[in-house]
C-alpha cells in the first residue's frame, strides 16, 4: 500500500503539459513521423530500382 501512496505523491509533483503544449508536441511528433515515412519510402524505392537494375545486368 505504501507503494501506491508513493506513486500518488510523485504524480502530484509532476508538471503536466498544458493543452496548447500537448497539441504542439503532438503536431511535432506527427510531422516527424510523416517526414520519416516519406524519406524511408524514397530510400526504399531507390533501393528497389537499384537492385532490379543490378539483377538485370
Protein backbone atom coordinates (compact mmCIF):
# COMPACT_ATOMS: atom_id res chain seq x y z
CA UNK A 1 0.00 0.00 0.00
CA UNK A 2 2.93 2.32 0.67
CA UNK A 3 3.99 1.94 -2.97
CA UNK A 4 0.62 3.26 -4.18
CA UNK A 5 0.89 6.25 -1.82
CA UNK A 6 4.40 6.98 -3.06
CA UNK A 7 3.28 6.79 -6.69
CA UNK A 8 0.35 9.10 -5.97
CA UNK A 9 2.68 11.57 -4.24
CA UNK A 10 5.11 11.57 -7.18
CA UNK A 11 2.27 12.02 -9.68
CA UNK A 12 1.16 15.15 -7.82
CA UNK A 13 4.71 16.55 -8.10
CA UNK A 14 4.80 16.03 -11.86
CA UNK A 15 4.47 19.12 -14.06
CA UNK A 16 1.93 18.21 -16.71
CA UNK A 17 1.86 19.99 -20.10
CA UNK A 18 -0.91 22.46 -20.86
CA UNK A 19 -3.41 21.74 -23.60
CA UNK A 20 -1.57 24.03 -26.01
CA UNK A 21 1.78 22.40 -25.30
CA UNK A 22 0.25 18.97 -25.75
CA UNK A 23 -1.19 19.93 -29.14
CA UNK A 24 2.14 21.43 -30.19
CA UNK A 25 4.12 18.36 -29.16
CA UNK A 26 1.60 16.08 -30.86
CA UNK A 27 1.96 18.08 -34.08
CA UNK A 28 5.74 17.83 -33.91
CA UNK A 29 5.62 14.06 -33.38
CA UNK A 30 3.13 13.50 -36.22
CA UNK A 31 5.11 15.74 -38.58
CA UNK A 32 8.30 13.87 -37.77
CA UNK A 33 6.61 10.50 -38.36
CA UNK A 34 5.28 11.66 -41.73
CA UNK A 35 8.67 13.04 -42.82
CA UNK A 36 10.49 9.86 -41.80
CA UNK A 37 7.89 7.72 -43.61
CA UNK A 38 8.34 9.77 -46.80
CA UNK A 39 12.12 9.57 -46.52
CA UNK A 40 12.06 5.80 -45.98
CA UNK A 41 9.64 5.38 -48.89
CA UNK A 42 12.03 7.27 -51.18
CA UNK A 43 15.04 5.27 -49.98
CA UNK A 44 13.10 2.02 -50.45
CA UNK A 45 12.10 2.98 -54.00
CA UNK A 46 15.69 3.84 -54.90
CA UNK A 47 16.99 0.60 -53.38
CA UNK A 48 14.33 -1.42 -55.20
CA UNK A 49 15.24 0.22 -58.50
CA UNK A 50 18.99 -0.30 -57.89
CA UNK A 51 18.58 -3.99 -57.02
CA UNK A 52 16.33 -4.58 -60.04
CA UNK A 53 18.88 -2.87 -62.29
CA UNK A 54 21.73 -4.91 -60.77
CA UNK A 55 19.88 -8.21 -61.22
CA UNK A 56 19.11 -7.43 -64.87
CA UNK A 57 22.78 -6.82 -65.80
